[in-house]
Each structure stands twice: as structure tokens, then as C-alpha cells.
């Protein structure tokens, strides 16, 4: 996941294609494929719900954290920190504000 690919995916999801989406330097087949679920994605108030499956956070220390029985490879992965930094990048924060995008946990839907 990169800032550019996430920005393009989000713009496509909210119906405003990015001018760089046809850029030959763009990432092919971005891993940021956002799919709105038909019938349940559009609320009566005009809110569009789109799922972006990420697990941002900080890697847990050995012998701490993790899911269930303690730390595992995922909970200690630096990929979680990469996702956190990407999602909170200043360029994306501007897009969130401009497009009225609210990030939330799945449980908040």
C-alpha cells in the first residue's frame, strides 16, 4: 500500500477519479482495491460505506500483545506501522478532509 495507490482508490470510491489514475507510473493492480457492498453501502442519508481492510498499529514487543495466546508474526510485523504511517500521511489527511472521509474501526459502523 502506498499513499498514491490509496489516494487513487479512495477517489475512485467516492466518484472523483484522480488525474494521475492514467499515469503510466501508477502502481499496476493496486493492492488498495476498495469495494462498496451493494444495497448496504449507501445509507439513506447519503453516507457511502467502503471497507478498506487494514490493521494499522505498532508492532508488539516479543512476549507482549498479539491475538489470543500472545504475540504472533502478524502482531510483531512492521507492516502494521507502514499501514499506520500511510493512513495518517498528510496528503491523505487533506483528502479525507476535502472529501469528508471518516476512517473508523469496523465495530463503529
PDB file of N, CA and C in Angstrom:
ATOM      1  N   UNK A   1       0.846  -1.165   0.000  1.00  0.00           N
ATOM      2  CA  UNK A   1       0.000   0.000   0.000  1.00  0.00           C
ATOM      3  C   UNK A   1       0.893   1.230   0.000  1.00  0.00           C
ATOM      4  N   UNK A   2       0.586   2.149  -0.907  1.00  0.00           N
ATOM      5  CA  UNK A   2       1.300   3.416  -0.947  1.00  0.00           C
ATOM      6  C   UNK A   2       0.288   4.548  -0.844  1.00  0.00           C
ATOM      7  N   UNK A   3       0.777   5.730  -0.536  1.00  0.00           N
ATOM      8  CA  UNK A   3      -0.099   6.899  -0.455  1.00  0.00           C
ATOM      9  C   UNK A   3      -0.787   7.110  -1.797  1.00  0.00           C
ATOM     10  N   UNK A   4      -0.029   7.022  -2.888  1.00  0.00           N
ATOM     11  CA  UNK A   4      -0.598   7.257  -4.222  1.00  0.00           C
ATOM     12  C   UNK A   4      -1.687   6.243  -4.565  1.00  0.00           C
ATOM     13  N   UNK A   5      -1.457   4.963  -4.302  1.00  0.00           N
ATOM     14  CA  UNK A   5      -2.458   3.956  -4.652  1.00  0.00           C
ATOM     15  C   UNK A   5      -3.696   4.072  -3.774  1.00  0.00           C
ATOM     16  N   UNK A   6      -3.520   4.385  -2.499  1.00  0.00           N
ATOM     17  CA  UNK A   6      -4.666   4.555  -1.608  1.00  0.00           C
ATOM     18  C   UNK A   6      -5.464   5.799  -1.996  1.00  0.00           C
ATOM     19  N   UNK A   7      -4.771   6.870  -2.344  1.00  0.00           N
ATOM     20  CA  UNK A   7      -5.447   8.093  -2.759  1.00  0.00           C
ATOM     21  C   UNK A   7      -6.290   7.835  -4.012  1.00  0.00           C
ATOM     22  N   UNK A   8      -5.730   7.153  -4.984  1.00  0.00           N
ATOM     23  CA  UNK A   8      -6.467   6.830  -6.206  1.00  0.00           C
ATOM     24  C   UNK A   8      -7.684   5.962  -5.898  1.00  0.00           C
ATOM     25  N   UNK A   9      -7.503   4.952  -5.071  1.00  0.00           N
ATOM     26  CA  UNK A   9      -8.605   4.053  -4.725  1.00  0.00           C
ATOM     27  C   UNK A   9      -9.722   4.810  -4.003  1.00  0.00           C
ATOM     28  N   UNK A  10      -9.370   5.675  -3.073  1.00  0.00           N
ATOM     29  CA  UNK A  10     -10.370   6.444  -2.341  1.00  0.00           C
ATOM     30  C   UNK A  10     -11.107   7.404  -3.272  1.00  0.00           C
ATOM     31  N   UNK A  11     -10.381   8.068  -4.157  1.00  0.00           N
ATOM     32  CA  UNK A  11     -11.019   8.991  -5.093  1.00  0.00           C
ATOM     33  C   UNK A  11     -11.973   8.240  -6.014  1.00  0.00           C
ATOM     34  N   UNK A  12     -11.580   7.072  -6.457  1.00  0.00           N
ATOM     35  CA  UNK A  12     -12.467   6.265  -7.296  1.00  0.00           C
ATOM     36  C   UNK A  12     -13.701   5.817  -6.517  1.00  0.00           C
ATOM     37  N   UNK A  13     -13.528   5.485  -5.256  1.00  0.00           N
ATOM     38  CA  UNK A  13     -14.650   5.017  -4.434  1.00  0.00           C
ATOM     39  C   UNK A  13     -15.687   6.114  -4.207  1.00  0.00           C
ATOM     40  N   UNK A  14     -15.225   7.359  -4.081  1.00  0.00           N
ATOM     41  CA  UNK A  14     -16.166   8.464  -3.843  1.00  0.00           C
ATOM     42  C   UNK A  14     -16.586   9.144  -5.143  1.00  0.00           C
ATOM     43  N   UNK A  15     -16.149   8.592  -6.269  1.00  0.00           N
ATOM     44  CA  UNK A  15     -16.613   9.073  -7.562  1.00  0.00           C
ATOM     45  C   UNK A  15     -15.855  10.225  -8.154  1.00  0.00           C
ATOM     46  N   UNK A  16     -14.623  10.462  -7.702  1.00  0.00           N
ATOM     47  CA  UNK A  16     -13.799  11.511  -8.295  1.00  0.00           C
ATOM     48  C   UNK A  16     -12.471  10.924  -8.710  1.00  0.00           C
ATOM     49  N   UNK A  17     -12.383  10.393  -9.937  1.00  0.00           N
ATOM     50  CA  UNK A  17     -11.143   9.781 -10.383  1.00  0.00           C
ATOM     51  C   UNK A  17      -9.971  10.746 -10.293  1.00  0.00           C
ATOM     52  N   UNK A  18      -8.860  10.224  -9.895  1.00  0.00           N
ATOM     53  CA  UNK A  18      -7.639  11.007  -9.776  1.00  0.00           C
ATOM     54  C   UNK A  18      -7.084  11.320 -11.149  1.00  0.00           C
ATOM     55  N   UNK A  19      -6.583  12.553 -11.364  1.00  0.00           N
ATOM     56  CA  UNK A  19      -5.969  12.865 -12.655  1.00  0.00           C
ATOM     57  C   UNK A  19      -4.759  11.991 -12.926  1.00  0.00           C
ATOM     58  N   UNK A  20      -4.153  11.454 -11.889  1.00  0.00           N
ATOM     59  CA  UNK A  20      -2.974  10.612 -12.083  1.00  0.00           C
ATOM     60  C   UNK A  20      -3.341   9.147 -12.284  1.00  0.00           C
ATOM     61  N   UNK A  21      -4.649   8.818 -12.311  1.00  0.00           N
ATOM     62  CA  UNK A  21      -5.033   7.409 -12.419  1.00  0.00           C
ATOM     63  C   UNK A  21      -4.632   6.807 -13.753  1.00  0.00           C
ATOM     64  N   UNK A  22      -4.406   7.646 -14.767  1.00  0.00           N
ATOM     65  CA  UNK A  22      -3.954   7.130 -16.053  1.00  0.00           C
ATOM     66  C   UNK A  22      -2.451   7.273 -16.208  1.00  0.00           C
ATOM     67  N   UNK A  23      -1.795   7.706 -15.169  1.00  0.00           N
ATOM     68  CA  UNK A  23      -0.354   7.901 -15.187  1.00  0.00           C
ATOM     69  C   UNK A  23       0.347   6.567 -15.395  1.00  0.00           C
ATOM     70  N   UNK A  24       1.279   6.546 -16.341  1.00  0.00           N
ATOM     71  CA  UNK A  24       1.979   5.283 -16.608  1.00  0.00           C
ATOM     72  C   UNK A  24       2.883   4.874 -15.465  1.00  0.00           C
ATOM     73  N   UNK A  25       3.173   5.787 -14.519  1.00  0.00           N
ATOM     74  CA  UNK A  25       3.993   5.436 -13.361  1.00  0.00           C
ATOM     75  C   UNK A  25       3.156   4.925 -12.199  1.00  0.00           C
ATOM     76  N   UNK A  26       1.853   4.924 -12.374  1.00  0.00           N
ATOM     77  CA  UNK A  26       0.975   4.455 -11.301  1.00  0.00           C
ATOM     78  C   UNK A  26       1.200   2.969 -11.060  1.00  0.00           C
ATOM     79  N   UNK A  27       0.941   2.543  -9.845  1.00  0.00           N
ATOM     80  CA  UNK A  27       1.130   1.135  -9.493  1.00  0.00           C
ATOM     81  C   UNK A  27       0.117   0.273 -10.224  1.00  0.00           C
ATOM     82  N   UNK A  28       0.561  -0.762 -10.932  1.00  0.00           N
ATOM     83  CA  UNK A  28      -0.402  -1.636 -11.606  1.00  0.00           C
ATOM     84  C   UNK A  28      -1.133  -2.486 -10.584  1.00  0.00           C
ATOM     85  N   UNK A  29      -2.424  -2.659 -10.792  1.00  0.00           N
ATOM     86  CA  UNK A  29      -3.247  -3.501  -9.919  1.00  0.00           C
ATOM     87  C   UNK A  29      -2.967  -3.213  -8.449  1.00  0.00           C
ATOM     88  N   UNK A  30      -3.258  -2.005  -8.056  1.00  0.00           N
ATOM     89  CA  UNK A  30      -3.049  -1.571  -6.687  1.00  0.00           C
ATOM     90  C   UNK A  30      -3.605  -2.576  -5.696  1.00  0.00           C
ATOM     91  N   UNK A  31      -2.929  -2.727  -4.584  1.00  0.00           N
ATOM     92  CA  UNK A  31      -3.432  -3.599  -3.533  1.00  0.00           C
ATOM     93  C   UNK A  31      -4.474  -2.878  -2.699  1.00  0.00           C
ATOM     94  N   UNK A  32      -4.854  -1.692  -3.114  1.00  0.00           N
ATOM     95  CA  UNK A  32      -5.862  -0.920  -2.402  1.00  0.00           C
ATOM     96  C   UNK A  32      -7.159  -0.946  -3.183  1.00  0.00           C
ATOM     97  N   UNK A  33      -7.723  -2.107  -3.403  1.00  0.00           N
ATOM     98  CA  UNK A  33      -8.985  -2.229  -4.106  1.00  0.00           C
ATOM     99  C   UNK A  33     -10.118  -2.053  -3.109  1.00  0.00           C
ATOM    100  N   UNK A  34     -10.848  -0.969  -3.263  1.00  0.00           N
ATOM    101  CA  UNK A  34     -11.959  -0.689  -2.368  1.00  0.00           C
ATOM    102  C   UNK A  34     -13.248  -1.101  -3.052  1.00  0.00           C
ATOM    103  N   UNK A  35     -14.073  -1.805  -2.367  1.00  0.00           N
ATOM    104  CA  UNK A  35     -15.330  -2.261  -2.949  1.00  0.00           C
ATOM    105  C   UNK A  35     -16.476  -1.902  -2.024  1.00  0.00           C
ATOM    106  N   UNK A  36     -17.397  -1.131  -2.540  1.00  0.00           N
ATOM    107  CA  UNK A  36     -18.600  -0.822  -1.770  1.00  0.00           C
ATOM    108  C   UNK A  36     -19.545  -2.005  -1.911  1.00  0.00           C
ATOM    109  N   UNK A  37     -20.157  -2.400  -0.816  1.00  0.00           N
ATOM    110  CA  UNK A  37     -21.065  -3.542  -0.823  1.00  0.00           C
ATOM    111  C   UNK A  37     -22.427  -3.075  -1.323  1.00  0.00           C
ATOM    112  N   UNK A  38     -22.944  -3.658  -2.420  1.00  0.00           N
ATOM    113  CA  UNK A  38     -24.246  -3.234  -2.943  1.00  0.00           C
ATOM    114  C   UNK A  38     -25.342  -3.355  -1.892  1.00  0.00           C
ATOM    115  N   UNK A  39     -26.318  -2.489  -1.990  1.00  0.00           N
ATOM    116  CA  UNK A  39     -27.507  -2.451  -1.134  1.00  0.00           C
ATOM    117  C   UNK A  39     -27.220  -1.994   0.292  1.00  0.00           C
ATOM    118  N   UNK A  40     -26.079  -2.331   0.865  1.00  0.00           N
ATOM    119  CA  UNK A  40     -25.836  -1.933   2.241  1.00  0.00           C
ATOM    120  C   UNK A  40     -24.816  -0.809   2.338  1.00  0.00           C
ATOM    121  N   UNK A  41     -24.180  -0.440   1.224  1.00  0.00           N
ATOM    122  CA  UNK A  41     -23.125   0.565   1.291  1.00  0.00           C
ATOM    123  C   UNK A  41     -23.656   1.985   1.283  1.00  0.00           C
ATOM    124  N   UNK A  42     -24.834   2.212   0.739  1.00  0.00           N
ATOM    125  CA  UNK A  42     -25.389   3.558   0.650  1.00  0.00           C
ATOM    126  C   UNK A  42     -26.510   3.710   1.663  1.00  0.00           C
ATOM    127  N   UNK A  43     -26.300   4.523   2.662  1.00  0.00           N
ATOM    128  CA  UNK A  43     -27.321   4.759   3.667  1.00  0.00           C
ATOM    129  C   UNK A  43     -28.280   5.817   3.153  1.00  0.00           C
ATOM    130  N   UNK A  44     -29.439   5.898   3.731  1.00  0.00           N
ATOM    131  CA  UNK A  44     -30.447   6.862   3.324  1.00  0.00           C
ATOM    132  C   UNK A  44     -29.996   8.306   3.459  1.00  0.00           C
ATOM    133  N   UNK A  45     -29.012   8.566   4.297  1.00  0.00           N
ATOM    134  CA  UNK A  45     -28.548   9.936   4.499  1.00  0.00           C
ATOM    135  C   UNK A  45     -27.441  10.330   3.532  1.00  0.00           C
ATOM    136  N   UNK A  46     -27.161   9.497   2.530  1.00  0.00           N
ATOM    137  CA  UNK A  46     -26.128   9.816   1.552  1.00  0.00           C
ATOM    138  C   UNK A  46     -24.740   9.353   1.944  1.00  0.00           C
ATOM    139  N   UNK A  47     -24.630   8.675   3.071  1.00  0.00           N
ATOM    140  CA  UNK A  47     -23.339   8.173   3.521  1.00  0.00           C
ATOM    141  C   UNK A  47     -22.979   6.916   2.738  1.00  0.00           C
ATOM    142  N   UNK A  48     -21.784   6.885   2.209  1.00  0.00           N
ATOM    143  CA  UNK A  48     -21.281   5.713   1.497  1.00  0.00           C
ATOM    144  C   UNK A  48     -20.274   5.010   2.402  1.00  0.00           C
ATOM    145  N   UNK A  49     -20.470   3.730   2.618  1.00  0.00           N
ATOM    146  CA  UNK A  49     -19.551   2.951   3.442  1.00  0.00           C
ATOM    147  C   UNK A  49     -18.694   2.089   2.534  1.00  0.00           C
ATOM    148  N   UNK A  50     -17.386   2.203   2.697  1.00  0.00           N
ATOM    149  CA  UNK A  50     -16.435   1.436   1.904  1.00  0.00           C
ATOM    150  C   UNK A  50     -15.451   0.791   2.866  1.00  0.00           C
ATOM    151  N   UNK A  51     -15.197  -0.492   2.682  1.00  0.00           N
ATOM    152  CA  UNK A  51     -14.275  -1.193   3.571  1.00  0.00           C
ATOM    153  C   UNK A  51     -12.871  -1.188   2.993  1.00  0.00           C
ATOM    154  N   UNK A  52     -11.942  -0.798   3.810  1.00  0.00           N
ATOM    155  CA  UNK A  52     -10.523  -0.857   3.493  1.00  0.00           C
ATOM    156  C   UNK A  52      -9.911  -1.756   4.561  1.00  0.00           C
ATOM    157  N   UNK A  53      -9.526  -2.953   4.162  1.00  0.00           N
ATOM    158  CA  UNK A  53      -9.042  -3.909   5.157  1.00  0.00           C
ATOM    159  C   UNK A  53      -7.576  -3.652   5.475  1.00  0.00           C
ATOM    160  N   UNK A  54      -7.351  -3.066   6.622  1.00  0.00           N
ATOM    161  CA  UNK A  54      -6.004  -2.787   7.105  1.00  0.00           C
ATOM    162  C   UNK A  54      -5.970  -3.075   8.602  1.00  0.00           C
ATOM    163  N   UNK A  55      -4.792  -3.229   9.115  1.00  0.00           N
ATOM    164  CA  UNK A  55      -4.602  -3.441  10.546  1.00  0.00           C
ATOM    165  C   UNK A  55      -3.465  -2.542  11.023  1.00  0.00           C
ATOM    166  N   UNK A  56      -3.685  -1.211  10.977  1.00  0.00           N
ATOM    167  CA  UNK A  56      -2.609  -0.299  11.364  1.00  0.00           C
ATOM    168  C   UNK A  56      -2.317  -0.374  12.855  1.00  0.00           C
ATOM    169  N   UNK A  57      -1.098  -0.070  13.196  1.00  0.00           N
ATOM    170  CA  UNK A  57      -0.726  -0.070  14.601  1.00  0.00           C
ATOM    171  C   UNK A  57       0.770  -0.148  14.739  1.00  0.00           C
ATOM    172  N   UNK A  58       1.183  -0.439  15.926  1.00  0.00           N
ATOM    173  CA  UNK A  58       2.600  -0.574  16.229  1.00  0.00           C
ATOM    174  C   UNK A  58       2.897  -2.044  16.472  1.00  0.00           C
ATOM    175  N   UNK A  59       4.035  -2.509  15.980  1.00  0.00           N
ATOM    176  CA  UNK A  59       4.382  -3.913  16.234  1.00  0.00           C
ATOM    177  C   UNK A  59       4.512  -4.149  17.742  1.00  0.00           C
ATOM    178  N   UNK A  60       3.990  -5.266  18.183  1.00  0.00           N
ATOM    179  CA  UNK A  60       4.113  -5.595  19.601  1.00  0.00           C
ATOM    180  C   UNK A  60       5.517  -6.107  19.891  1.00  0.00           C
ATOM    181  N   UNK A  61       5.895  -5.956  21.110  1.00  0.00           N
ATOM    182  CA  UNK A  61       7.203  -6.451  21.537  1.00  0.00           C
ATOM    183  C   UNK A  61       7.111  -7.951  21.786  1.00  0.00           C
ATOM    184  N   UNK A  62       8.212  -8.657  21.603  1.00  0.00           N
ATOM    185  CA  UNK A  62       8.168 -10.089  21.922  1.00  0.00           C
ATOM    186  C   UNK A  62       7.683 -10.288  23.364  1.00  0.00           C
ATOM    187  N   UNK A  63       6.884 -11.290  23.535  1.00  0.00           N
ATOM    188  CA  UNK A  63       6.283 -11.661  24.823  1.00  0.00           C
ATOM    189  C   UNK A  63       5.184 -10.703  25.276  1.00  0.00           C
ATOM    190  N   UNK A  64       4.766  -9.757  24.404  1.00  0.00           N
ATOM    191  CA  UNK A  64       3.679  -8.843  24.743  1.00  0.00           C
ATOM    192  C   UNK A  64       2.713  -8.751  23.570  1.00  0.00           C
ATOM    193  N   UNK A  65       1.472  -8.478  23.827  1.00  0.00           N
ATOM    194  CA  UNK A  65       0.494  -8.219  22.775  1.00  0.00           C
ATOM    195  C   UNK A  65       0.108  -9.444  21.989  1.00  0.00           C
ATOM    196  N   UNK A  66      -0.403  -9.197  20.799  1.00  0.00           N
ATOM    197  CA  UNK A  66      -0.835 -10.278  19.929  1.00  0.00           C
ATOM    198  C   UNK A  66      -2.290 -10.627  20.133  1.00  0.00           C
ATOM    199  N   UNK A  67      -2.729 -11.582  19.380  1.00  0.00           N
ATOM    200  CA  UNK A  67      -4.129 -12.011  19.433  1.00  0.00           C
ATOM    201  C   UNK A  67      -4.199 -13.383  20.077  1.00  0.00           C
ATOM    202  N   UNK A  68      -5.030 -13.524  21.058  1.00  0.00           N
ATOM    203  CA  UNK A  68      -5.230 -14.834  21.664  1.00  0.00           C
ATOM    204  C   UNK A  68      -4.116 -15.241  22.605  1.00  0.00           C
ATOM    205  N   UNK A  69      -3.287 -16.156  22.167  1.00  0.00           N
ATOM    206  CA  UNK A  69      -2.270 -16.783  23.022  1.00  0.00           C
ATOM    207  C   UNK A  69      -0.979 -15.982  23.137  1.00  0.00           C
ATOM    208  N   UNK A  70      -0.975 -14.732  22.767  1.00  0.00           N
ATOM    209  CA  UNK A  70       0.238 -13.924  22.863  1.00  0.00           C
ATOM    210  C   UNK A  70       0.716 -13.469  21.499  1.00  0.00           C
ATOM    211  N   UNK A  71       1.904 -12.894  21.429  1.00  0.00           N
ATOM    212  CA  UNK A  71       2.382 -12.316  20.178  1.00  0.00           C
ATOM    213  C   UNK A  71       2.559 -13.365  19.082  1.00  0.00           C
ATOM    214  N   UNK A  72       2.256 -12.959  17.867  1.00  0.00           N
ATOM    215  CA  UNK A  72       2.461 -13.821  16.714  1.00  0.00           C
ATOM    216  C   UNK A  72       3.193 -12.997  15.648  1.00  0.00           C
ATOM    217  N   UNK A  73       3.475 -13.596  14.500  1.00  0.00           N
ATOM    218  CA  UNK A  73       4.210 -12.885  13.450  1.00  0.00           C
ATOM    219  C   UNK A  73       3.475 -11.622  13.018  1.00  0.00           C
ATOM    220  N   UNK A  74       2.140 -11.700  12.888  1.00  0.00           N
ATOM    221  CA  UNK A  74       1.385 -10.528  12.449  1.00  0.00           C
ATOM    222  C   UNK A  74       1.482  -9.394  13.465  1.00  0.00           C
ATOM    223  N   UNK A  75       1.289  -9.701  14.730  1.00  0.00           N
ATOM    224  CA  UNK A  75       1.285  -8.639  15.739  1.00  0.00           C
ATOM    225  C   UNK A  75       2.649  -7.963  15.861  1.00  0.00           C
ATOM    226  N   UNK A  76       3.709  -8.646  15.458  1.00  0.00           N
ATOM    227  CA  UNK A  76       5.050  -8.088  15.543  1.00  0.00           C
ATOM    228  C   UNK A  76       5.533  -7.525  14.201  1.00  0.00           C
ATOM    229  N   UNK A  77       4.678  -7.549  13.192  1.00  0.00           N
ATOM    230  CA  UNK A  77       5.054  -7.136  11.838  1.00  0.00           C
ATOM    231  C   UNK A  77       5.206  -5.621  11.709  1.00  0.00           C
ATOM    232  N   UNK A  78       6.234  -5.207  10.979  1.00  0.00           N
ATOM    233  CA  UNK A  78       6.421  -3.790  10.670  1.00  0.00           C
ATOM    234  C   UNK A  78       5.410  -3.306   9.635  1.00  0.00           C
ATOM    235  N   UNK A  79       4.701  -4.241   8.980  1.00  0.00           N
ATOM    236  CA  UNK A  79       3.668  -3.853   8.024  1.00  0.00           C
ATOM    237  C   UNK A  79       2.570  -3.039   8.712  1.00  0.00           C
ATOM    238  N   UNK A  80       2.305  -3.324   9.954  1.00  0.00           N
ATOM    239  CA  UNK A  80       1.288  -2.578  10.697  1.00  0.00           C
ATOM    240  C   UNK A  80       1.688  -1.114  10.833  1.00  0.00           C
ATOM    241  N   UNK A  81       2.956  -0.861  11.102  1.00  0.00           N
ATOM    242  CA  UNK A  81       3.446   0.509  11.221  1.00  0.00           C
ATOM    243  C   UNK A  81       3.402   1.205   9.858  1.00  0.00           C
ATOM    244  N   UNK A  82       3.746   0.485   8.791  1.00  0.00           N
ATOM    245  CA  UNK A  82       3.665   1.048   7.439  1.00  0.00           C
ATOM    246  C   UNK A  82       2.228   1.468   7.131  1.00  0.00           C
ATOM    247  N   UNK A  83       1.259   0.629   7.455  1.00  0.00           N
ATOM    248  CA  UNK A  83      -0.142   0.957   7.219  1.00  0.00           C
ATOM    249  C   UNK A  83      -0.560   2.182   8.028  1.00  0.00           C
ATOM    250  N   UNK A  84      -0.126   2.264   9.270  1.00  0.00           N
ATOM    251  CA  UNK A  84      -0.452   3.410  10.114  1.00  0.00           C
ATOM    252  C   UNK A  84       0.118   4.691   9.512  1.00  0.00           C
ATOM    253  N   UNK A  85       1.367   4.655   9.109  1.00  0.00           N
ATOM    254  CA  UNK A  85       2.007   5.845   8.524  1.00  0.00           C
ATOM    255  C   UNK A  85       1.347   6.240   7.204  1.00  0.00           C
ATOM    256  N   UNK A  86       0.958   5.258   6.409  1.00  0.00           N
ATOM    257  CA  UNK A  86       0.294   5.557   5.137  1.00  0.00           C
ATOM    258  C   UNK A  86      -1.066   6.202   5.389  1.00  0.00           C
ATOM    259  N   UNK A  87      -1.865   5.607   6.253  1.00  0.00           N
ATOM    260  CA  UNK A  87      -3.211   6.128   6.526  1.00  0.00           C
ATOM    261  C   UNK A  87      -3.192   7.517   7.146  1.00  0.00           C
ATOM    262  N   UNK A  88      -2.122   7.875   7.849  1.00  0.00           N
ATOM    263  CA  UNK A  88      -2.039   9.171   8.517  1.00  0.00           C
ATOM    264  C   UNK A  88      -1.125  10.153   7.785  1.00  0.00           C
ATOM    265  N   UNK A  89      -0.749   9.824   6.562  1.00  0.00           N
ATOM    266  CA  UNK A  89       0.090  10.712   5.758  1.00  0.00           C
ATOM    267  C   UNK A  89      -0.623  12.055   5.552  1.00  0.00           C
ATOM    268  N   UNK A  90       0.091  13.170   5.625  1.00  0.00           N
ATOM    269  CA  UNK A  90      -0.540  14.483   5.464  1.00  0.00           C
ATOM    270  C   UNK A  90      -1.317  14.646   4.148  1.00  0.00           C
ATOM    271  N   UNK A  91      -0.827  14.080   3.058  1.00  0.00           N
ATOM    272  CA  UNK A  91      -1.534  14.170   1.775  1.00  0.00           C
ATOM    273  C   UNK A  91      -2.897  13.481   1.860  1.00  0.00           C
ATOM    274  N   UNK A  92      -2.930  12.316   2.497  1.00  0.00           N
ATOM    275  CA  UNK A  92      -4.198  11.605   2.652  1.00  0.00           C
ATOM    276  C   UNK A  92      -5.110  12.300   3.655  1.00  0.00           C
ATOM    277  N   UNK A  93      -4.549  12.880   4.691  1.00  0.00           N
ATOM    278  CA  UNK A  93      -5.364  13.623   5.661  1.00  0.00           C
ATOM    279  C   UNK A  93      -6.087  14.784   4.973  1.00  0.00           C
ATOM    280  N   UNK A  94      -5.400  15.449   4.035  1.00  0.00           N
ATOM    281  CA  UNK A  94      -6.043  16.533   3.285  1.00  0.00           C
ATOM    282  C   UNK A  94      -7.199  15.974   2.444  1.00  0.00           C
ATOM    283  N   UNK A  95      -6.971  14.817   1.814  1.00  0.00           N
ATOM    284  CA  UNK A  95      -8.023  14.197   1.011  1.00  0.00           C
ATOM    285  C   UNK A  95      -9.215  13.816   1.889  1.00  0.00           C
ATOM    286  N   UNK A  96      -8.960  13.244   3.058  1.00  0.00           N
ATOM    287  CA  UNK A  96     -10.045  12.871   3.967  1.00  0.00           C
ATOM    288  C   UNK A  96     -10.911  14.103   4.274  1.00  0.00           C
ATOM    289  N   UNK A  97     -10.244  15.207   4.571  1.00  0.00           N
ATOM    290  CA  UNK A  97     -10.971  16.428   4.923  1.00  0.00           C
ATOM    291  C   UNK A  97     -11.736  16.962   3.705  1.00  0.00           C
ATOM    292  N   UNK A  98     -11.082  17.006   2.557  1.00  0.00           N
ATOM    293  CA  UNK A  98     -11.696  17.534   1.330  1.00  0.00           C
ATOM    294  C   UNK A  98     -12.922  16.724   0.906  1.00  0.00           C
ATOM    295  N   UNK A  99     -12.852  15.410   1.033  1.00  0.00           N
ATOM    296  CA  UNK A  99     -13.926  14.521   0.578  1.00  0.00           C
ATOM    297  C   UNK A  99     -14.842  14.065   1.711  1.00  0.00           C
ATOM    298  N   UNK A 100     -14.632  14.617   2.906  1.00  0.00           N
ATOM    299  CA  UNK A 100     -15.436  14.261   4.072  1.00  0.00           C
ATOM    300  C   UNK A 100     -15.379  12.753   4.340  1.00  0.00           C
ATOM    301  N   UNK A 101     -14.165  12.216   4.289  1.00  0.00           N
ATOM    302  CA  UNK A 101     -13.933  10.791   4.550  1.00  0.00           C
ATOM    303  C   UNK A 101     -13.598  10.617   6.021  1.00  0.00           C
ATOM    304  N   UNK A 102     -14.267   9.680   6.646  1.00  0.00           N
ATOM    305  CA  UNK A 102     -14.017   9.400   8.052  1.00  0.00           C
ATOM    306  C   UNK A 102     -13.510   7.974   8.181  1.00  0.00           C
ATOM    307  N   UNK A 103     -12.321   7.815   8.723  1.00  0.00           N
ATOM    308  CA  UNK A 103     -11.796   6.486   8.995  1.00  0.00           C
ATOM    309  C   UNK A 103     -12.367   6.013  10.326  1.00  0.00           C
ATOM    310  N   UNK A 104     -12.690   4.746  10.401  1.00  0.00           N
ATOM    311  CA  UNK A 104     -13.226   4.208  11.639  1.00  0.00           C
ATOM    312  C   UNK A 104     -12.916   2.719  11.713  1.00  0.00           C
ATOM    313  N   UNK A 105     -13.131   2.173  12.849  1.00  0.00           N
ATOM    314  CA  UNK A 105     -12.997   0.730  13.036  1.00  0.00           C
ATOM    315  C   UNK A 105     -14.266   0.065  12.539  1.00  0.00           C
ATOM    316  N   UNK A 106     -14.176  -1.181  12.138  1.00  0.00           N
ATOM    317  CA  UNK A 106     -15.338  -1.926  11.638  1.00  0.00           C
ATOM    318  C   UNK A 106     -16.451  -1.936  12.669  1.00  0.00           C
ATOM    319  N   UNK A 107     -16.095  -2.042  13.934  1.00  0.00           N
ATOM    320  CA  UNK A 107     -17.103  -2.103  15.001  1.00  0.00           C
ATOM    321  C   UNK A 107     -17.897  -0.804  15.119  1.00  0.00           C
ATOM    322  N   UNK A 108     -17.372   0.300  14.544  1.00  0.00           N
ATOM    323  CA  UNK A 108     -18.053   1.600  14.629  1.00  0.00           C
ATOM    324  C   UNK A 108     -19.127   1.787  13.560  1.00  0.00           C
ATOM    325  N   UNK A 109     -19.211   0.847  12.619  1.00  0.00           N
ATOM    326  CA  UNK A 109     -20.199   1.006  11.538  1.00  0.00           C
ATOM    327  C   UNK A 109     -21.603   0.676  11.989  1.00  0.00           C
TER     328      UNK A 109
END
